Amino acid sequence: MGGREILLGVTGGVAAYKAADLCSKLVQSGASVTVVMTAAAEKFIGATTFEALTNRPVYRDAFQPVEHFRGEHIGLAQRADLIVVAP
């Protein structure tokens, strides 16, 4: 996975904590991981966990224009080589 840009979407559910393990394994394999979380996901696992694993900010509001003039959700999708939604 070295050099790949992965967008990891974490949704609300009891298994949301398993996304942290997946994130860790992706980073260990050399991938660059950016995490997007739903509000419901944050009820099960904190964004700080993913920020520590990826050394990147966690996105919660995809429509807030941070880097991309049309909204960050467009920029995130354009940069990603792979999009994974888990759980």
PDB file of N, CA and C in Angstrom:
ATOM      1  N   MET A   1       0.814  -1.198   0.000  1.00  0.00           N
ATOM      2  CA  MET A   1       0.000   0.000   0.000  1.00  0.00           C
ATOM      3  C   MET A   1       0.854   1.257   0.000  1.00  0.00           C
ATOM      4  N   GLY A   2       2.146   1.096  -0.042  1.00  0.00           N
ATOM      5  CA  GLY A   2       3.039   2.239   0.020  1.00  0.00           C
ATOM      6  C   GLY A   2       2.713   3.296  -1.022  1.00  0.00           C
ATOM      7  N   GLY A   3       2.591   4.524  -0.580  1.00  0.00           N
ATOM      8  CA  GLY A   3       2.332   5.625  -1.476  1.00  0.00           C
ATOM      9  C   GLY A   3       0.881   5.834  -1.853  1.00  0.00           C
ATOM     10  N   ARG A   4       0.010   4.971  -1.414  1.00  0.00           N
ATOM     11  CA  ARG A   4      -1.417   5.100  -1.737  1.00  0.00           C
ATOM     12  C   ARG A   4      -2.097   6.067  -0.779  1.00  0.00           C
ATOM     13  N   GLU A   5      -3.055   6.803  -1.298  1.00  0.00           N
ATOM     14  CA  GLU A   5      -3.859   7.734  -0.499  1.00  0.00           C
ATOM     15  C   GLU A   5      -5.221   7.084  -0.281  1.00  0.00           C
ATOM     16  N   ILE A   6      -5.535   6.796   0.977  1.00  0.00           N
ATOM     17  CA  ILE A   6      -6.778   6.104   1.304  1.00  0.00           C
ATOM     18  C   ILE A   6      -7.670   7.013   2.128  1.00  0.00           C
ATOM     19  N   LEU A   7      -8.931   7.096   1.722  1.00  0.00           N
ATOM     20  CA  LEU A   7      -9.945   7.836   2.458  1.00  0.00           C
ATOM     21  C   LEU A   7     -10.779   6.812   3.216  1.00  0.00           C
ATOM     22  N   LEU A   8     -10.751   6.892   4.539  1.00  0.00           N
ATOM     23  CA  LEU A   8     -11.457   5.934   5.390  1.00  0.00           C
ATOM     24  C   LEU A   8     -12.670   6.609   6.000  1.00  0.00           C
ATOM     25  N   GLY A   9     -13.848   6.150   5.635  1.00  0.00           N
ATOM     26  CA  GLY A   9     -15.096   6.663   6.197  1.00  0.00           C
ATOM     27  C   GLY A   9     -15.526   5.782   7.350  1.00  0.00           C
ATOM     28  N   VAL A  10     -15.722   6.378   8.514  1.00  0.00           N
ATOM     29  CA  VAL A  10     -16.121   5.627   9.704  1.00  0.00           C
ATOM     30  C   VAL A  10     -17.553   6.025  10.048  1.00  0.00           C
ATOM     31  N   THR A  11     -18.425   5.033  10.121  1.00  0.00           N
ATOM     32  CA  THR A  11     -19.837   5.274  10.394  1.00  0.00           C
ATOM     33  C   THR A  11     -20.189   4.839  11.807  1.00  0.00           C
ATOM     34  N   GLY A  12     -21.372   5.218  12.243  1.00  0.00           N
ATOM     35  CA  GLY A  12     -21.814   4.892  13.595  1.00  0.00           C
ATOM     36  C   GLY A  12     -22.275   3.455  13.706  1.00  0.00           C
ATOM     37  N   GLY A  13     -21.795   2.787  14.699  1.00  0.00           N
ATOM     38  CA  GLY A  13     -22.163   1.406  14.963  1.00  0.00           C
ATOM     39  C   GLY A  13     -21.217   0.839  15.997  1.00  0.00           C
ATOM     40  N   VAL A  14     -21.636  -0.221  16.630  1.00  0.00           N
ATOM     41  CA  VAL A  14     -20.833  -0.824  17.687  1.00  0.00           C
ATOM     42  C   VAL A  14     -19.457  -1.232  17.177  1.00  0.00           C
ATOM     43  N   ALA A  15     -19.357  -1.607  15.917  1.00  0.00           N
ATOM     44  CA  ALA A  15     -18.083  -2.068  15.354  1.00  0.00           C
ATOM     45  C   ALA A  15     -17.174  -0.919  14.914  1.00  0.00           C
ATOM     46  N   ALA A  16     -17.541   0.324  15.178  1.00  0.00           N
ATOM     47  CA  ALA A  16     -16.728   1.468  14.741  1.00  0.00           C
ATOM     48  C   ALA A  16     -15.305   1.403  15.285  1.00  0.00           C
ATOM     49  N   TYR A  17     -15.140   0.833  16.468  1.00  0.00           N
ATOM     50  CA  TYR A  17     -13.791   0.744  17.048  1.00  0.00           C
ATOM     51  C   TYR A  17     -12.858  -0.103  16.186  1.00  0.00           C
ATOM     52  N   LYS A  18     -13.413  -1.022  15.403  1.00  0.00           N
ATOM     53  CA  LYS A  18     -12.582  -1.869  14.544  1.00  0.00           C
ATOM     54  C   LYS A  18     -11.938  -1.068  13.413  1.00  0.00           C
ATOM     55  N   ALA A  19     -12.511   0.071  13.090  1.00  0.00           N
ATOM     56  CA  ALA A  19     -11.932   0.920  12.049  1.00  0.00           C
ATOM     57  C   ALA A  19     -10.568   1.453  12.480  1.00  0.00           C
ATOM     58  N   ALA A  20     -10.363   1.611  13.782  1.00  0.00           N
ATOM     59  CA  ALA A  20      -9.058   2.066  14.275  1.00  0.00           C
ATOM     60  C   ALA A  20      -7.984   1.026  13.980  1.00  0.00           C
ATOM     61  N   ASP A  21      -8.309  -0.241  14.141  1.00  0.00           N
ATOM     62  CA  ASP A  21      -7.357  -1.310  13.832  1.00  0.00           C
ATOM     63  C   ASP A  21      -7.059  -1.332  12.335  1.00  0.00           C
ATOM     64  N   LEU A  22      -8.094  -1.195  11.524  1.00  0.00           N
ATOM     65  CA  LEU A  22      -7.908  -1.144  10.073  1.00  0.00           C
ATOM     66  C   LEU A  22      -7.028   0.042   9.690  1.00  0.00           C
ATOM     67  N   CYS A  23      -7.305   1.186  10.273  1.00  0.00           N
ATOM     68  CA  CYS A  23      -6.520   2.394  10.014  1.00  0.00           C
ATOM     69  C   CYS A  23      -5.051   2.174  10.366  1.00  0.00           C
ATOM     70  N   SER A  24      -4.809   1.601  11.517  1.00  0.00           N
ATOM     71  CA  SER A  24      -3.446   1.331  11.965  1.00  0.00           C
ATOM     72  C   SER A  24      -2.718   0.412  10.988  1.00  0.00           C
ATOM     73  N   LYS A  25      -3.381  -0.634  10.540  1.00  0.00           N
ATOM     74  CA  LYS A  25      -2.762  -1.579   9.608  1.00  0.00           C
ATOM     75  C   LYS A  25      -2.470  -0.925   8.260  1.00  0.00           C
ATOM     76  N   LEU A  26      -3.361  -0.067   7.806  1.00  0.00           N
ATOM     77  CA  LEU A  26      -3.128   0.634   6.543  1.00  0.00           C
ATOM     78  C   LEU A  26      -1.919   1.556   6.643  1.00  0.00           C
ATOM     79  N   VAL A  27      -1.817   2.285   7.744  1.00  0.00           N
ATOM     80  CA  VAL A  27      -0.677   3.185   7.953  1.00  0.00           C
ATOM     81  C   VAL A  27       0.616   2.378   8.051  1.00  0.00           C
ATOM     82  N   GLN A  28       0.584   1.259   8.769  1.00  0.00           N
ATOM     83  CA  GLN A  28       1.774   0.416   8.905  1.00  0.00           C
ATOM     84  C   GLN A  28       2.222  -0.146   7.562  1.00  0.00           C
ATOM     85  N   SER A  29       1.271  -0.332   6.637  1.00  0.00           N
ATOM     86  CA  SER A  29       1.626  -0.858   5.319  1.00  0.00           C
ATOM     87  C   SER A  29       2.165   0.225   4.389  1.00  0.00           C
ATOM     88  N   GLY A  30       2.217   1.465   4.884  1.00  0.00           N
ATOM     89  CA  GLY A  30       2.793   2.548   4.103  1.00  0.00           C
ATOM     90  C   GLY A  30       1.788   3.465   3.438  1.00  0.00           C
ATOM     91  N   ALA A  31       0.507   3.238   3.659  1.00  0.00           N
ATOM     92  CA  ALA A  31      -0.520   4.089   3.061  1.00  0.00           C
ATOM     93  C   ALA A  31      -0.671   5.387   3.840  1.00  0.00           C
ATOM     94  N   SER A  32      -1.087   6.419   3.151  1.00  0.00           N
ATOM     95  CA  SER A  32      -1.469   7.678   3.788  1.00  0.00           C
ATOM     96  C   SER A  32      -2.983   7.637   3.946  1.00  0.00           C
ATOM     97  N   VAL A  33      -3.458   7.790   5.164  1.00  0.00           N
ATOM     98  CA  VAL A  33      -4.882   7.615   5.450  1.00  0.00           C
ATOM     99  C   VAL A  33      -5.479   8.920   5.960  1.00  0.00           C
ATOM    100  N   THR A  34      -6.610   9.288   5.389  1.00  0.00           N
ATOM    101  CA  THR A  34      -7.406  10.415   5.859  1.00  0.00           C
ATOM    102  C   THR A  34      -8.747   9.852   6.308  1.00  0.00           C
ATOM    103  N   VAL A  35      -9.201  10.268   7.486  1.00  0.00           N
ATOM    104  CA  VAL A  35     -10.432   9.726   8.063  1.00  0.00           C
ATOM    105  C   VAL A  35     -11.542  10.770   8.021  1.00  0.00           C
ATOM    106  N   VAL A  36     -12.719  10.310   7.614  1.00  0.00           N
ATOM    107  CA  VAL A  36     -13.949  11.095   7.662  1.00  0.00           C
ATOM    108  C   VAL A  36     -14.898  10.327   8.573  1.00  0.00           C
ATOM    109  N   MET A  37     -15.449  11.016   9.574  1.00  0.00           N
ATOM    110  CA  MET A  37     -16.331  10.352  10.545  1.00  0.00           C
ATOM    111  C   MET A  37     -17.717  10.988  10.540  1.00  0.00           C
ATOM    112  N   THR A  38     -18.722  10.155  10.744  1.00  0.00           N
ATOM    113  CA  THR A  38     -20.064  10.684  10.966  1.00  0.00           C
ATOM    114  C   THR A  38     -20.188  11.071  12.438  1.00  0.00           C
ATOM    115  N   ALA A  39     -21.182  11.879  12.743  1.00  0.00           N
ATOM    116  CA  ALA A  39     -21.431  12.261  14.138  1.00  0.00           C
ATOM    117  C   ALA A  39     -21.751  11.027  14.971  1.00  0.00           C
ATOM    118  N   ALA A  40     -22.451  10.075  14.388  1.00  0.00           N
ATOM    119  CA  ALA A  40     -22.796   8.848  15.110  1.00  0.00           C
ATOM    120  C   ALA A  40     -21.550   8.024  15.422  1.00  0.00           C
ATOM    121  N   ALA A  41     -20.574   8.030  14.537  1.00  0.00           N
ATOM    122  CA  ALA A  41     -19.337   7.278  14.781  1.00  0.00           C
ATOM    123  C   ALA A  41     -18.617   7.807  16.007  1.00  0.00           C
ATOM    124  N   GLU A  42     -18.680   9.121  16.206  1.00  0.00           N
ATOM    125  CA  GLU A  42     -17.994   9.722  17.354  1.00  0.00           C
ATOM    126  C   GLU A  42     -18.628   9.339  18.684  1.00  0.00           C
ATOM    127  N   LYS A  43     -19.800   8.761  18.649  1.00  0.00           N
ATOM    128  CA  LYS A  43     -20.423   8.256  19.879  1.00  0.00           C
ATOM    129  C   LYS A  43     -19.743   6.960  20.329  1.00  0.00           C
ATOM    130  N   PHE A  44     -19.077   6.285  19.383  1.00  0.00           N
ATOM    131  CA  PHE A  44     -18.447   4.995  19.668  1.00  0.00           C
ATOM    132  C   PHE A  44     -16.928   5.074  19.781  1.00  0.00           C
ATOM    133  N   ILE A  45     -16.301   5.989  19.038  1.00  0.00           N
ATOM    134  CA  ILE A  45     -14.846   6.129  19.077  1.00  0.00           C
ATOM    135  C   ILE A  45     -14.492   7.589  18.794  1.00  0.00           C
ATOM    136  N   GLY A  46     -13.523   8.103  19.505  1.00  0.00           N
ATOM    137  CA  GLY A  46     -13.162   9.509  19.364  1.00  0.00           C
ATOM    138  C   GLY A  46     -12.282   9.791  18.163  1.00  0.00           C
ATOM    139  N   ALA A  47     -12.428  10.976  17.627  1.00  0.00           N
ATOM    140  CA  ALA A  47     -11.618  11.405  16.488  1.00  0.00           C
ATOM    141  C   ALA A  47     -10.137  11.470  16.838  1.00  0.00           C
ATOM    142  N   THR A  48      -9.831  11.727  18.097  1.00  0.00           N
ATOM    143  CA  THR A  48      -8.440  11.824  18.543  1.00  0.00           C
ATOM    144  C   THR A  48      -7.678  10.531  18.273  1.00  0.00           C
ATOM    145  N   THR A  49      -8.358   9.410  18.383  1.00  0.00           N
ATOM    146  CA  THR A  49      -7.729   8.113  18.101  1.00  0.00           C
ATOM    147  C   THR A  49      -7.205   8.085  16.669  1.00  0.00           C
ATOM    148  N   PHE A  50      -8.037   8.498  15.728  1.00  0.00           N
ATOM    149  CA  PHE A  50      -7.641   8.476  14.321  1.00  0.00           C
ATOM    150  C   PHE A  50      -6.606   9.552  14.010  1.00  0.00           C
ATOM    151  N   GLU A  51      -6.700  10.687  14.677  1.00  0.00           N
ATOM    152  CA  GLU A  51      -5.697  11.731  14.478  1.00  0.00           C
ATOM    153  C   GLU A  51      -4.323  11.250  14.930  1.00  0.00           C
ATOM    154  N   ALA A  52      -4.281  10.501  16.020  1.00  0.00           N
ATOM    155  CA  ALA A  52      -3.013   9.958  16.512  1.00  0.00           C
ATOM    156  C   ALA A  52      -2.465   8.890  15.564  1.00  0.00           C
ATOM    157  N   LEU A  53      -3.344   8.069  15.019  1.00  0.00           N
ATOM    158  CA  LEU A  53      -2.908   6.997  14.120  1.00  0.00           C
ATOM    159  C   LEU A  53      -2.416   7.527  12.773  1.00  0.00           C
ATOM    160  N   THR A  54      -3.054   8.563  12.263  1.00  0.00           N
ATOM    161  CA  THR A  54      -2.747   9.050  10.917  1.00  0.00           C
ATOM    162  C   THR A  54      -1.868  10.294  10.893  1.00  0.00           C
ATOM    163  N   ASN A  55      -1.773  10.973  12.023  1.00  0.00           N
ATOM    164  CA  ASN A  55      -1.068  12.255  12.098  1.00  0.00           C
ATOM    165  C   ASN A  55      -1.689  13.277  11.138  1.00  0.00           C
ATOM    166  N   ARG A  56      -3.004  13.179  10.974  1.00  0.00           N
ATOM    167  CA  ARG A  56      -3.771  14.078  10.112  1.00  0.00           C
ATOM    168  C   ARG A  56      -5.060  14.471  10.829  1.00  0.00           C
ATOM    169  N   PRO A  57      -5.655  15.586  10.437  1.00  0.00           N
ATOM    170  CA  PRO A  57      -6.948  15.938  11.036  1.00  0.00           C
ATOM    171  C   PRO A  57      -8.040  14.986  10.562  1.00  0.00           C
ATOM    172  N   VAL A  58      -9.039  14.806  11.383  1.00  0.00           N
ATOM    173  CA  VAL A  58     -10.207  14.000  11.028  1.00  0.00           C
ATOM    174  C   VAL A  58     -11.287  14.958  10.533  1.00  0.00           C
ATOM    175  N   TYR A  59     -11.895  14.618   9.419  1.00  0.00           N
ATOM    176  CA  TYR A  59     -12.946  15.461   8.846  1.00  0.00           C
ATOM    177  C   TYR A  59     -14.300  15.017   9.367  1.00  0.00           C
ATOM    178  N   ARG A  60     -15.069  16.000   9.830  1.00  0.00           N
ATOM    179  CA  ARG A  60     -16.409  15.738  10.350  1.00  0.00           C
ATOM    180  C   ARG A  60     -17.467  16.440   9.511  1.00  0.00           C
ATOM    181  N   ASP A  61     -17.100  17.558   8.914  1.00  0.00           N
ATOM    182  CA  ASP A  61     -18.021  18.343   8.106  1.00  0.00           C
ATOM    183  C   ASP A  61     -17.430  18.467   6.710  1.00  0.00           C
ATOM    184  N   ALA A  62     -17.861  17.608   5.824  1.00  0.00           N
ATOM    185  CA  ALA A  62     -17.276  17.547   4.487  1.00  0.00           C
ATOM    186  C   ALA A  62     -17.604  18.764   3.633  1.00  0.00           C
ATOM    187  N   PHE A  63     -18.571  19.558   4.040  1.00  0.00           N
ATOM    188  CA  PHE A  63     -18.957  20.705   3.233  1.00  0.00           C
ATOM    189  C   PHE A  63     -18.252  21.986   3.640  1.00  0.00           C
ATOM    190  N   GLN A  64     -17.414  21.931   4.645  1.00  0.00           N
ATOM    191  CA  GLN A  64     -16.654  23.104   5.058  1.00  0.00           C
ATOM    192  C   GLN A  64     -15.478  23.271   4.100  1.00  0.00           C
ATOM    193  N   PRO A  65     -15.415  24.371   3.347  1.00  0.00           N
ATOM    194  CA  PRO A  65     -14.315  24.554   2.391  1.00  0.00           C
ATOM    195  C   PRO A  65     -13.004  24.870   3.111  1.00  0.00           C
ATOM    196  N   VAL A  66     -12.130  23.898   3.161  1.00  0.00           N
ATOM    197  CA  VAL A  66     -10.837  24.074   3.817  1.00  0.00           C
ATOM    198  C   VAL A  66      -9.742  24.219   2.768  1.00  0.00           C
ATOM    199  N   GLU A  67      -9.602  23.225   1.913  1.00  0.00           N
ATOM    200  CA  GLU A  67      -8.557  23.243   0.895  1.00  0.00           C
ATOM    201  C   GLU A  67      -9.126  23.340  -0.519  1.00  0.00           C
ATOM    202  N   HIS A  68     -10.345  22.909  -0.698  1.00  0.00           N
ATOM    203  CA  HIS A  68     -10.922  22.855  -2.036  1.00  0.00           C
ATOM    204  C   HIS A  68     -12.057  23.864  -2.129  1.00  0.00           C
ATOM    205  N   PHE A  69     -12.058  24.660  -3.175  1.00  0.00           N
ATOM    206  CA  PHE A  69     -13.025  25.759  -3.281  1.00  0.00           C
ATOM    207  C   PHE A  69     -14.472  25.280  -3.408  1.00  0.00           C
ATOM    208  N   ARG A  70     -14.723  24.047  -3.857  1.00  0.00           N
ATOM    209  CA  ARG A  70     -16.086  23.531  -3.972  1.00  0.00           C
ATOM    210  C   ARG A  70     -16.537  22.795  -2.718  1.00  0.00           C
ATOM    211  N   GLY A  71     -15.684  22.684  -1.773  1.00  0.00           N
ATOM    212  CA  GLY A  71     -15.994  21.926  -0.560  1.00  0.00           C
ATOM    213  C   GLY A  71     -14.973  20.826  -0.386  1.00  0.00           C
ATOM    214  N   GLU A  72     -14.622  20.577   0.826  1.00  0.00           N
ATOM    215  CA  GLU A  72     -13.555  19.611   1.088  1.00  0.00           C
ATOM    216  C   GLU A  72     -13.930  18.204   0.637  1.00  0.00           C
ATOM    217  N   HIS A  73     -15.214  17.873   0.606  1.00  0.00           N
ATOM    218  CA  HIS A  73     -15.599  16.532   0.163  1.00  0.00           C
ATOM    219  C   HIS A  73     -15.140  16.260  -1.271  1.00  0.00           C
ATOM    220  N   ILE A  74     -15.105  17.267  -2.111  1.00  0.00           N
ATOM    221  CA  ILE A  74     -14.625  17.094  -3.487  1.00  0.00           C
ATOM    222  C   ILE A  74     -13.114  16.861  -3.491  1.00  0.00           C
ATOM    223  N   GLY A  75     -12.391  17.678  -2.759  1.00  0.00           N
ATOM    224  CA  GLY A  75     -10.935  17.536  -2.697  1.00  0.00           C
ATOM    225  C   GLY A  75     -10.504  16.196  -2.130  1.00  0.00           C
ATOM    226  N   LEU A  76     -11.187  15.748  -1.079  1.00  0.00           N
ATOM    227  CA  LEU A  76     -10.850  14.450  -0.477  1.00  0.00           C
ATOM    228  C   LEU A  76     -11.050  13.324  -1.483  1.00  0.00           C
ATOM    229  N   ALA A  77     -12.149  13.357  -2.200  1.00  0.00           N
ATOM    230  CA  ALA A  77     -12.436  12.303  -3.177  1.00  0.00           C
ATOM    231  C   ALA A  77     -11.441  12.324  -4.332  1.00  0.00           C
ATOM    232  N   GLN A  78     -11.049  13.498  -4.769  1.00  0.00           N
ATOM    233  CA  GLN A  78     -10.116  13.595  -5.893  1.00  0.00           C
ATOM    234  C   GLN A  78      -8.722  13.107  -5.531  1.00  0.00           C
ATOM    235  N   ARG A  79      -8.311  13.281  -4.297  1.00  0.00           N
ATOM    236  CA  ARG A  79      -6.968  12.848  -3.869  1.00  0.00           C
ATOM    237  C   ARG A  79      -6.891  11.349  -3.579  1.00  0.00           C
ATOM    238  N   ALA A  80      -8.014  10.722  -3.303  1.00  0.00           N
ATOM    239  CA  ALA A  80      -8.008   9.325  -2.848  1.00  0.00           C
ATOM    240  C   ALA A  80      -7.765   8.343  -3.993  1.00  0.00           C
ATOM    241  N   ASP A  81      -6.883   7.367  -3.721  1.00  0.00           N
ATOM    242  CA  ASP A  81      -6.714   6.234  -4.627  1.00  0.00           C
ATOM    243  C   ASP A  81      -7.753   5.163  -4.321  1.00  0.00           C
ATOM    244  N   LEU A  82      -8.207   5.154  -3.071  1.00  0.00           N
ATOM    245  CA  LEU A  82      -9.156   4.145  -2.607  1.00  0.00           C
ATOM    246  C   LEU A  82     -10.020   4.757  -1.517  1.00  0.00           C
ATOM    247  N   ILE A  83     -11.316   4.460  -1.562  1.00  0.00           N
ATOM    248  CA  ILE A  83     -12.239   4.904  -0.516  1.00  0.00           C
ATOM    249  C   ILE A  83     -12.803   3.666   0.158  1.00  0.00           C
ATOM    250  N   VAL A  84     -12.663   3.619   1.484  1.00  0.00           N
ATOM    251  CA  VAL A  84     -13.156   2.489   2.279  1.00  0.00           C
ATOM    252  C   VAL A  84     -14.128   3.038   3.305  1.00  0.00           C
ATOM    253  N   VAL A  85     -15.300   2.419   3.418  1.00  0.00           N
ATOM    254  CA  VAL A  85     -16.260   2.779   4.456  1.00  0.00           C
ATOM    255  C   VAL A  85     -16.352   1.598   5.406  1.00  0.00           C
ATOM    256  N   ALA A  86     -16.032   1.846   6.681  1.00  0.00           N
ATOM    257  CA  ALA A  86     -16.029   0.757   7.667  1.00  0.00           C
ATOM    258  C   ALA A  86     -16.446   1.297   9.027  1.00  0.00           C
ATOM    259  N   PRO A  87     -17.269   0.714   9.768  1.00  0.00           N
ATOM    260  CA  PRO A  87     -17.982  -0.533   9.457  1.00  0.00           C
ATOM    261  C   PRO A  87     -19.174  -0.254   8.568  1.00  0.00           C
TER     262      PRO A  87
END
